[in-house]
PDB file of N, CA and C in Angstrom:
ATOM      1  N   UNK A   1    -104.155-115.054 -36.570  1.00  0.00           N
ATOM      2  CA  UNK A   1    -104.231-116.426 -37.061  1.00  0.00           C
ATOM      3  C   UNK A   1    -105.533-117.062 -36.803  1.00  0.00           C
ATOM      4  N   UNK A   2    -106.124-117.651 -37.739  1.00  0.00           N
ATOM      5  CA  UNK A   2    -107.355-118.527 -37.307  1.00  0.00           C
ATOM      6  C   UNK A   2    -107.089-120.094 -37.001  1.00  0.00           C
ATOM      7  N   UNK A   3    -107.759-120.197 -35.668  1.00  0.00           N
ATOM      8  CA  UNK A   3    -107.427-121.222 -35.008  1.00  0.00           C
ATOM      9  C   UNK A   3    -107.762-122.773 -36.727  1.00  0.00           C
ATOM     10  N   UNK A   4    -106.600-123.755 -36.269  1.00  0.00           N
ATOM     11  CA  UNK A   4    -106.580-124.987 -37.406  1.00  0.00           C
ATOM     12  C   UNK A   4    -105.530-124.422 -39.262  1.00  0.00           C
ATOM     13  N   UNK A   5    -105.433-123.133 -38.514  1.00  0.00           N
ATOM     14  CA  UNK A   5    -104.506-122.612 -39.799  1.00  0.00           C
ATOM     15  C   UNK A   5    -102.963-123.127 -39.592  1.00  0.00           C
ATOM     16  N   UNK A   6    -102.142-123.380 -40.317  1.00  0.00           N
ATOM     17  CA  UNK A   6    -100.777-123.359 -40.311  1.00  0.00           C
ATOM     18  C   UNK A   6     -99.515-122.153 -39.753  1.00  0.00           C
ATOM     19  N   UNK A   7     -98.886-122.389 -38.961  1.00  0.00           N
ATOM     20  CA  UNK A   7     -98.303-121.284 -38.286  1.00  0.00           C
ATOM     21  C   UNK A   7     -97.452-121.019 -39.538  1.00  0.00           C
ATOM     22  N   UNK A   8     -96.829-119.208 -40.390  1.00  0.00           N
ATOM     23  CA  UNK A   8     -96.490-119.190 -40.922  1.00  0.00           C
ATOM     24  C   UNK A   8     -94.864-118.159 -40.454  1.00  0.00           C
ATOM     25  N   UNK A   9     -94.180-118.223 -40.412  1.00  0.00           N
ATOM     26  CA  UNK A   9     -93.162-117.506 -40.280  1.00  0.00           C
ATOM     27  C   UNK A   9     -92.667-116.529 -40.779  1.00  0.00           C
ATOM     28  N   UNK A  10     -92.152-115.487 -40.147  1.00  0.00           N
ATOM     29  CA  UNK A  10     -91.487-113.783 -41.263  1.00  0.00           C
ATOM     30  C   UNK A  10     -90.240-114.332 -41.120  1.00  0.00           C
ATOM     31  N   UNK A  11     -89.434-113.596 -41.817  1.00  0.00           N
ATOM     32  CA  UNK A  11     -88.225-113.071 -41.736  1.00  0.00           C
ATOM     33  C   UNK A  11     -88.249-111.866 -40.926  1.00  0.00           C
ATOM     34  N   UNK A  12     -87.237-111.634 -40.273  1.00  0.00           N
ATOM     35  CA  UNK A  12     -87.420-109.955 -39.523  1.00  0.00           C
ATOM     36  C   UNK A  12     -85.829-109.610 -39.704  1.00  0.00           C
ATOM     37  N   UNK A  13     -85.285-108.037 -40.097  1.00  0.00           N
ATOM     38  CA  UNK A  13     -84.261-107.934 -40.211  1.00  0.00           C
ATOM     39  C   UNK A  13     -83.320-107.360 -38.670  1.00  0.00           C
ATOM     40  N   UNK A  14     -82.556-107.692 -38.740  1.00  0.00           N
ATOM     41  CA  UNK A  14     -81.688-107.281 -37.600  1.00  0.00           C
ATOM     42  C   UNK A  14     -81.005-106.085 -38.202  1.00  0.00           C
ATOM     43  N   UNK A  15     -81.174-104.901 -37.517  1.00  0.00           N
ATOM     44  CA  UNK A  15     -80.054-103.772 -38.013  1.00  0.00           C
ATOM     45  C   UNK A  15     -79.014-103.258 -37.029  1.00  0.00           C
ATOM     46  N   UNK A  16     -78.060-103.450 -37.317  1.00  0.00           N
ATOM     47  CA  UNK A  16     -76.555-103.989 -36.087  1.00  0.00           C
ATOM     48  C   UNK A  16     -76.591-102.569 -35.194  1.00  0.00           C
ATOM     49  N   UNK A  17     -75.888-102.353 -34.383  1.00  0.00           N
ATOM     50  CA  UNK A  17     -76.486-100.744 -33.388  1.00  0.00           C
ATOM     51  C   UNK A  17     -74.875-100.529 -33.106  1.00  0.00           C
ATOM     52  N   UNK A  18     -74.995 -99.048 -33.861  1.00  0.00           N
ATOM     53  CA  UNK A  18     -73.648 -98.392 -33.943  1.00  0.00           C
ATOM     54  C   UNK A  18     -72.965 -98.527 -32.261  1.00  0.00           C
ATOM     55  N   UNK A  19     -71.418 -98.876 -32.546  1.00  0.00           N
ATOM     56  CA  UNK A  19     -70.997 -99.246 -31.180  1.00  0.00           C
ATOM     57  C   UNK A  19     -71.062 -97.123 -30.009  1.00  0.00           C
ATOM     58  N   UNK A  20     -70.785 -97.484 -29.185  1.00  0.00           N
ATOM     59  CA  UNK A  20     -70.197 -96.530 -28.271  1.00  0.00           C
ATOM     60  C   UNK A  20     -71.663 -95.688 -27.417  1.00  0.00           C
ATOM     61  N   UNK A  21     -71.499 -95.034 -26.985  1.00  0.00           N
ATOM     62  CA  UNK A  21     -72.516 -94.694 -26.354  1.00  0.00           C
ATOM     63  C   UNK A  21     -73.758 -93.926 -27.273  1.00  0.00           C
ATOM     64  N   UNK A  22     -75.156 -94.151 -26.947  1.00  0.00           N
ATOM     65  CA  UNK A  22     -76.520 -93.791 -27.440  1.00  0.00           C
ATOM     66  C   UNK A  22     -76.113 -92.309 -27.977  1.00  0.00           C
ATOM     67  N   UNK A  23     -76.815 -91.780 -28.909  1.00  0.00           N
ATOM     68  CA  UNK A  23     -76.972 -90.145 -29.237  1.00  0.00           C
ATOM     69  C   UNK A  23     -77.727 -89.897 -28.602  1.00  0.00           C
ATOM     70  N   UNK A  24     -77.322 -88.059 -28.165  1.00  0.00           N
ATOM     71  CA  UNK A  24     -77.689 -87.122 -27.738  1.00  0.00           C
ATOM     72  C   UNK A  24     -78.352 -86.735 -28.440  1.00  0.00           C
ATOM     73  N   UNK A  25     -79.903 -87.544 -27.823  1.00  0.00           N
ATOM     74  CA  UNK A  25     -81.058 -86.423 -28.641  1.00  0.00           C
ATOM     75  C   UNK A  25     -81.800 -84.965 -28.478  1.00  0.00           C
ATOM     76  N   UNK A  26     -81.045 -84.411 -27.423  1.00  0.00           N
ATOM     77  CA  UNK A  26     -81.593 -82.819 -26.571  1.00  0.00           C
ATOM     78  C   UNK A  26     -80.965 -82.334 -27.774  1.00  0.00           C
ATOM     79  N   UNK A  27     -81.907 -80.962 -28.579  1.00  0.00           N
ATOM     80  CA  UNK A  27     -81.177 -80.319 -29.245  1.00  0.00           C
ATOM     81  C   UNK A  27     -80.130 -79.270 -27.896  1.00  0.00           C
ATOM     82  N   UNK A  28     -79.529 -78.671 -28.972  1.00  0.00           N
ATOM     83  CA  UNK A  28     -78.065 -77.960 -28.347  1.00  0.00           C
ATOM     84  C   UNK A  28     -78.986 -76.453 -28.091  1.00  0.00           C
ATOM     85  N   UNK A  29     -79.364 -76.238 -28.536  1.00  0.00           N
ATOM     86  CA  UNK A  29     -79.785 -74.649 -28.139  1.00  0.00           C
ATOM     87  C   UNK A  29     -80.499 -74.837 -26.426  1.00  0.00           C
ATOM     88  N   UNK A  30     -81.700 -76.013 -26.646  1.00  0.00           N
ATOM     89  CA  UNK A  30     -82.014 -75.959 -25.475  1.00  0.00           C
ATOM     90  C   UNK A  30     -81.907 -76.248 -24.370  1.00  0.00           C
ATOM     91  N   UNK A  31     -80.825 -77.164 -25.044  1.00  0.00           N
ATOM     92  CA  UNK A  31     -79.902 -77.938 -23.280  1.00  0.00           C
ATOM     93  C   UNK A  31     -78.611 -76.540 -22.950  1.00  0.00           C
ATOM     94  N   UNK A  32     -78.935 -75.883 -23.619  1.00  0.00           N
ATOM     95  CA  UNK A  32     -77.614 -74.294 -23.803  1.00  0.00           C
ATOM     96  C   UNK A  32     -78.015 -74.205 -22.250  1.00  0.00           C
ATOM     97  N   UNK A  33     -77.574 -72.927 -20.947  1.00  0.00           N
ATOM     98  CA  UNK A  33     -77.568 -72.826 -20.065  1.00  0.00           C
ATOM     99  C   UNK A  33     -77.980 -71.286 -20.933  1.00  0.00           C
ATOM    100  N   UNK A  34     -78.580 -70.882 -20.702  1.00  0.00           N
ATOM    101  CA  UNK A  34     -79.223 -69.387 -20.875  1.00  0.00           C
ATOM    102  C   UNK A  34     -78.418 -68.465 -19.518  1.00  0.00           C
ATOM    103  N   UNK A  35     -78.059 -67.064 -19.795  1.00  0.00           N
ATOM    104  CA  UNK A  35     -76.838 -66.573 -19.330  1.00  0.00           C
ATOM    105  C   UNK A  35     -77.018 -65.368 -17.792  1.00  0.00           C
ATOM    106  N   UNK A  36     -78.667 -65.279 -17.431  1.00  0.00           N
ATOM    107  CA  UNK A  36     -79.418 -64.655 -16.773  1.00  0.00           C
ATOM    108  C   UNK A  36     -79.080 -65.541 -15.031  1.00  0.00           C
ATOM    109  N   UNK A  37     -78.721 -64.931 -14.374  1.00  0.00           N
ATOM    110  CA  UNK A  37     -78.749 -65.709 -12.991  1.00  0.00           C
ATOM    111  C   UNK A  37     -79.770 -65.216 -11.981  1.00  0.00           C
ATOM    112  N   UNK A  38     -80.556 -64.027 -12.087  1.00  0.00           N
ATOM    113  CA  UNK A  38     -82.120 -63.696 -11.629  1.00  0.00           C
ATOM    114  C   UNK A  38     -82.894 -63.924 -12.213  1.00  0.00           C
ATOM    115  N   UNK A  39     -83.748 -64.500 -11.829  1.00  0.00           N
ATOM    116  CA  UNK A  39     -85.672 -64.485 -12.469  1.00  0.00           C
ATOM    117  C   UNK A  39     -86.527 -63.600 -11.600  1.00  0.00           C
ATOM    118  N   UNK A  40     -87.333 -62.973 -12.272  1.00  0.00           N
ATOM    119  CA  UNK A  40     -88.278 -62.466 -11.502  1.00  0.00           C
ATOM    120  C   UNK A  40     -89.883 -63.029 -11.960  1.00  0.00           C
ATOM    121  N   UNK A  41     -89.960 -63.994 -12.908  1.00  0.00           N
ATOM    122  CA  UNK A  41     -91.102 -64.231 -13.025  1.00  0.00           C
ATOM    123  C   UNK A  41     -91.722 -64.802 -14.637  1.00  0.00           C
ATOM    124  N   UNK A  42     -90.471 -63.985 -15.043  1.00  0.00           N
ATOM    125  CA  UNK A  42     -91.071 -63.683 -16.648  1.00  0.00           C
ATOM    126  C   UNK A  42     -90.015 -64.446 -17.254  1.00  0.00           C
ATOM    127  N   UNK A  43     -90.623 -64.833 -18.141  1.00  0.00           N
ATOM    128  CA  UNK A  43     -89.841 -65.576 -19.323  1.00  0.00           C
ATOM    129  C   UNK A  43     -89.318 -66.394 -18.818  1.00  0.00           C
ATOM    130  N   UNK A  44     -87.184 -67.103 -19.613  1.00  0.00           N
ATOM    131  CA  UNK A  44     -87.410 -68.538 -19.932  1.00  0.00           C
ATOM    132  C   UNK A  44     -85.988 -68.590 -18.664  1.00  0.00           C
ATOM    133  N   UNK A  45     -85.691 -69.270 -17.757  1.00  0.00           N
ATOM    134  CA  UNK A  45     -83.826 -69.752 -17.458  1.00  0.00           C
ATOM    135  C   UNK A  45     -84.420 -71.063 -17.301  1.00  0.00           C
ATOM    136  N   UNK A  46     -82.689 -71.125 -18.231  1.00  0.00           N
ATOM    137  CA  UNK A  46     -81.999 -72.393 -18.659  1.00  0.00           C
ATOM    138  C   UNK A  46     -80.508 -73.163 -17.314  1.00  0.00           C
ATOM    139  N   UNK A  47     -80.651 -73.490 -16.636  1.00  0.00           N
ATOM    140  CA  UNK A  47     -79.471 -74.492 -16.051  1.00  0.00           C
ATOM    141  C   UNK A  47     -78.330 -74.989 -17.291  1.00  0.00           C
ATOM    142  N   UNK A  48     -78.710 -75.894 -17.491  1.00  0.00           N
ATOM    143  CA  UNK A  48     -77.664 -76.635 -18.934  1.00  0.00           C
ATOM    144  C   UNK A  48     -78.027 -77.857 -18.270  1.00  0.00           C
ATOM    145  N   UNK A  49     -76.958 -78.052 -18.920  1.00  0.00           N
ATOM    146  CA  UNK A  49     -77.538 -79.876 -18.456  1.00  0.00           C
ATOM    147  C   UNK A  49     -76.468 -80.299 -17.775  1.00  0.00           C
ATOM    148  N   UNK A  50     -77.314 -81.281 -15.816  1.00  0.00           N
ATOM    149  CA  UNK A  50     -76.306 -80.583 -14.769  1.00  0.00           C
ATOM    150  C   UNK A  50     -75.965 -82.232 -14.793  1.00  0.00           C
ATOM    151  N   UNK A  51     -74.479 -83.063 -14.525  1.00  0.00           N
ATOM    152  CA  UNK A  51     -74.273 -84.118 -14.088  1.00  0.00           C
ATOM    153  C   UNK A  51     -74.641 -84.519 -12.494  1.00  0.00           C
ATOM    154  N   UNK A  52     -73.239 -85.574 -11.814  1.00  0.00           N
ATOM    155  CA  UNK A  52     -73.403 -85.463 -10.907  1.00  0.00           C
ATOM    156  C   UNK A  52     -72.451 -85.508 -10.346  1.00  0.00           C
ATOM    157  N   UNK A  53     -71.967 -85.557  -9.173  1.00  0.00           N
ATOM    158  CA  UNK A  53     -70.442 -85.004  -9.022  1.00  0.00           C
ATOM    159  C   UNK A  53     -69.554 -85.641  -8.953  1.00  0.00           C
ATOM    160  N   UNK A  54     -68.352 -85.763  -9.761  1.00  0.00           N
ATOM    161  CA  UNK A  54     -67.074 -86.694  -9.945  1.00  0.00           C
ATOM    162  C   UNK A  54     -67.635 -87.303 -11.277  1.00  0.00           C
ATOM    163  N   UNK A  55     -68.342 -86.978 -11.766  1.00  0.00           N
ATOM    164  CA  UNK A  55     -68.327 -87.577 -13.722  1.00  0.00           C
ATOM    165  C   UNK A  55     -67.402 -86.997 -13.760  1.00  0.00           C
ATOM    166  N   UNK A  56     -66.460 -87.914 -14.614  1.00  0.00           N
ATOM    167  CA  UNK A  56     -65.333 -87.851 -15.900  1.00  0.00           C
ATOM    168  C   UNK A  56     -65.335 -86.674 -16.408  1.00  0.00           C
ATOM    169  N   UNK A  57     -64.642 -85.632 -16.410  1.00  0.00           N
ATOM    170  CA  UNK A  57     -64.219 -84.873 -17.318  1.00  0.00           C
ATOM    171  C   UNK A  57     -64.839 -83.605 -16.868  1.00  0.00           C
ATOM    172  N   UNK A  58     -65.306 -83.410 -15.227  1.00  0.00           N
ATOM    173  CA  UNK A  58     -65.734 -82.379 -14.571  1.00  0.00           C
ATOM    174  C   UNK A  58     -66.527 -81.142 -15.436  1.00  0.00           C
ATOM    175  N   UNK A  59     -67.978 -81.681 -15.361  1.00  0.00           N
ATOM    176  CA  UNK A  59     -68.897 -80.916 -16.311  1.00  0.00           C
ATOM    177  C   UNK A  59     -69.279 -80.146 -15.433  1.00  0.00           C
ATOM    178  N   UNK A  60     -70.444 -79.250 -15.312  1.00  0.00           N
ATOM    179  CA  UNK A  60     -71.486 -78.825 -14.147  1.00  0.00           C
ATOM    180  C   UNK A  60     -72.495 -79.600 -13.615  1.00  0.00           C
ATOM    181  N   UNK A  61     -71.772 -79.160 -12.351  1.00  0.00           N
ATOM    182  CA  UNK A  61     -72.671 -80.365 -11.730  1.00  0.00           C
ATOM    183  C   UNK A  61     -73.364 -79.371 -10.688  1.00  0.00           C
ATOM    184  N   UNK A  62     -73.763 -78.245 -10.568  1.00  0.00           N
ATOM    185  CA  UNK A  62     -75.004 -77.250 -10.273  1.00  0.00           C
ATOM    186  C   UNK A  62     -74.963 -76.110 -10.388  1.00  0.00           C
ATOM    187  N   UNK A  63     -76.270 -75.580 -10.237  1.00  0.00           N
ATOM    188  CA  UNK A  63     -76.555 -74.309 -11.226  1.00  0.00           C
ATOM    189  C   UNK A  63     -76.918 -73.613 -10.095  1.00  0.00           C
ATOM    190  N   UNK A  64     -77.193 -71.851 -10.060  1.00  0.00           N
ATOM    191  CA  UNK A  64     -77.308 -71.121  -8.896  1.00  0.00           C
ATOM    192  C   UNK A  64     -78.215 -70.501  -9.376  1.00  0.00           C
ATOM    193  N   UNK A  65     -79.527 -69.753  -9.492  1.00  0.00           N
ATOM    194  CA  UNK A  65     -80.483 -69.005  -9.532  1.00  0.00           C
ATOM    195  C   UNK A  65     -80.639 -68.288  -8.338  1.00  0.00           C
ATOM    196  N   UNK A  66     -81.432 -66.325  -8.907  1.00  0.00           N
ATOM    197  CA  UNK A  66     -81.912 -66.295  -7.520  1.00  0.00           C
ATOM    198  C   UNK A  66     -83.374 -65.969  -8.405  1.00  0.00           C
ATOM    199  N   UNK A  67     -84.149 -65.999  -7.305  1.00  0.00           N
ATOM    200  CA  UNK A  67     -85.511 -65.104  -7.532  1.00  0.00           C
ATOM    201  C   UNK A  67     -85.771 -63.936  -6.732  1.00  0.00           C
ATOM    202  N   UNK A  68     -86.257 -62.921  -7.672  1.00  0.00           N
ATOM    203  CA  UNK A  68     -86.627 -61.906  -7.114  1.00  0.00           C
ATOM    204  C   UNK A  68     -87.383 -61.507  -6.805  1.00  0.00           C
ATOM    205  N   UNK A  69     -88.412 -62.226  -6.938  1.00  0.00           N
ATOM    206  CA  UNK A  69     -90.313 -61.754  -5.989  1.00  0.00           C
ATOM    207  C   UNK A  69     -90.509 -63.087  -5.558  1.00  0.00           C
ATOM    208  N   UNK A  70     -91.310 -62.808  -4.054  1.00  0.00           N
ATOM    209  CA  UNK A  70     -92.137 -64.003  -4.196  1.00  0.00           C
ATOM    210  C   UNK A  70     -93.314 -64.618  -5.203  1.00  0.00           C
ATOM    211  N   UNK A  71     -93.040 -66.148  -4.716  1.00  0.00           N
ATOM    212  CA  UNK A  71     -93.681 -66.873  -5.276  1.00  0.00           C
ATOM    213  C   UNK A  71     -93.522 -68.376  -5.727  1.00  0.00           C
ATOM    214  N   UNK A  72     -94.582 -69.183  -6.316  1.00  0.00           N
ATOM    215  CA  UNK A  72     -94.787 -70.608  -6.575  1.00  0.00           C
ATOM    216  C   UNK A  72     -93.805 -70.806  -8.034  1.00  0.00           C
ATOM    217  N   UNK A  73     -92.452 -71.518  -8.252  1.00  0.00           N
ATOM    218  CA  UNK A  73     -92.310 -71.474  -9.484  1.00  0.00           C
ATOM    219  C   UNK A  73     -92.278 -73.216 -10.166  1.00  0.00           C
ATOM    220  N   UNK A  74     -92.638 -73.529 -11.040  1.00  0.00           N
ATOM    221  CA  UNK A  74     -92.373 -75.029 -11.223  1.00  0.00           C
ATOM    222  C   UNK A  74     -91.022 -74.981 -12.399  1.00  0.00           C
ATOM    223  N   UNK A  75     -90.481 -75.941 -12.323  1.00  0.00           N
ATOM    224  CA  UNK A  75     -89.133 -76.374 -12.828  1.00  0.00           C
ATOM    225  C   UNK A  75     -89.037 -77.803 -13.712  1.00  0.00           C
ATOM    226  N   UNK A  76     -88.556 -77.711 -14.946  1.00  0.00           N
ATOM    227  CA  UNK A  76     -88.928 -78.958 -15.868  1.00  0.00           C
ATOM    228  C   UNK A  76     -87.730 -79.593 -15.889  1.00  0.00           C
ATOM    229  N   UNK A  77     -87.033 -80.993 -15.826  1.00  0.00           N
ATOM    230  CA  UNK A  77     -85.839 -81.659 -16.356  1.00  0.00           C
ATOM    231  C   UNK A  77     -86.375 -81.503 -17.622  1.00  0.00           C
ATOM    232  N   UNK A  78     -85.472 -81.169 -18.996  1.00  0.00           N
ATOM    233  CA  UNK A  78     -85.694 -81.400 -20.138  1.00  0.00           C
ATOM    234  C   UNK A  78     -85.130 -82.209 -20.173  1.00  0.00           C
ATOM    235  N   UNK A  79     -83.853 -83.115 -19.957  1.00  0.00           N
ATOM    236  CA  UNK A  79     -83.809 -84.373 -20.313  1.00  0.00           C
ATOM    237  C   UNK A  79     -84.612 -85.099 -19.704  1.00  0.00           C
ATOM    238  N   UNK A  80     -85.159 -85.696 -18.789  1.00  0.00           N
ATOM    239  CA  UNK A  80     -86.112 -86.836 -18.020  1.00  0.00           C
ATOM    240  C   UNK A  80     -87.738 -86.168 -17.887  1.00  0.00           C
ATOM    241  N   UNK A  81     -87.949 -84.964 -18.607  1.00  0.00           N
ATOM    242  CA  UNK A  81     -89.543 -84.247 -18.352  1.00  0.00           C
ATOM    243  C   UNK A  81     -90.400 -85.840 -19.306  1.00  0.00           C
ATOM    244  N   UNK A  82     -90.346 -86.746 -19.774  1.00  0.00           N
ATOM    245  CA  UNK A  82     -91.084 -87.689 -20.456  1.00  0.00           C
ATOM    246  C   UNK A  82     -91.123 -88.520 -18.913  1.00  0.00           C
ATOM    247  N   UNK A  83     -90.183 -88.538 -18.267  1.00  0.00           N
ATOM    248  CA  UNK A  83     -90.793 -89.717 -17.475  1.00  0.00           C
ATOM    249  C   UNK A  83     -91.202 -88.554 -15.803  1.00  0.00           C
ATOM    250  N   UNK A  84     -91.210 -87.325 -16.056  1.00  0.00           N
ATOM    251  CA  UNK A  84     -92.176 -86.765 -15.054  1.00  0.00           C
ATOM    252  C   UNK A  84     -91.152 -85.823 -13.834  1.00  0.00           C
ATOM    253  N   UNK A  85     -89.978 -85.434 -14.759  1.00  0.00           N
ATOM    254  CA  UNK A  85     -88.691 -84.972 -13.541  1.00  0.00           C
ATOM    255  C   UNK A  85     -89.425 -83.541 -13.540  1.00  0.00           C
ATOM    256  N   UNK A  86     -89.710 -82.817 -12.398  1.00  0.00           N
ATOM    257  CA  UNK A  86     -90.375 -81.359 -12.630  1.00  0.00           C
ATOM    258  C   UNK A  86     -90.437 -80.886 -10.903  1.00  0.00           C
ATOM    259  N   UNK A  87     -90.916 -80.339 -10.682  1.00  0.00           N
ATOM    260  CA  UNK A  87     -90.570 -79.703  -9.607  1.00  0.00           C
ATOM    261  C   UNK A  87     -91.026 -78.250  -9.269  1.00  0.00           C
ATOM    262  N   UNK A  88     -91.246 -77.818  -7.772  1.00  0.00           N
ATOM    263  CA  UNK A  88     -92.132 -76.743  -7.843  1.00  0.00           C
ATOM    264  C   UNK A  88     -90.713 -76.202  -6.621  1.00  0.00           C
ATOM    265  N   UNK A  89     -89.782 -74.878  -6.162  1.00  0.00           N
ATOM    266  CA  UNK A  89     -89.795 -73.868  -5.886  1.00  0.00           C
ATOM    267  C   UNK A  89     -90.673 -72.984  -4.842  1.00  0.00           C
ATOM    268  N   UNK A  90     -91.080 -72.543  -3.752  1.00  0.00           N
ATOM    269  CA  UNK A  90     -91.768 -72.278  -3.571  1.00  0.00           C
ATOM    270  C   UNK A  90     -90.641 -70.648  -2.432  1.00  0.00           C
ATOM    271  N   UNK A  91     -90.714 -69.729  -3.555  1.00  0.00           N
ATOM    272  CA  UNK A  91     -89.810 -68.236  -2.784  1.00  0.00           C
ATOM    273  C   UNK A  91     -91.331 -67.466  -1.580  1.00  0.00           C
ATOM    274  N   UNK A  92     -90.537 -67.439  -0.622  1.00  0.00           N
ATOM    275  CA  UNK A  92     -91.006 -66.592   1.053  1.00  0.00           C
ATOM    276  C   UNK A  92     -90.975 -64.960   1.196  1.00  0.00           C
TER     277      UNK A  92
END
């Protein structure tokens, strides 16, 4: 806006929000656990989505995976990757 010009009002529309919890935006195929319980360093393993203990409905709260080779392995939280939720597992 240039100095000295009159202010103009703009109309803005408001969209009502759907009631209930927000939509789950993760592809179910990405969120589903993979069947293997051992990992040798190749391929992809997914624990599925894990929840805090005490979550209603008794959803999964933990995941066990056996590493068959020594090494450093990285993992990513699919839900919180944009927030930097990643880690490293060192198997000696």
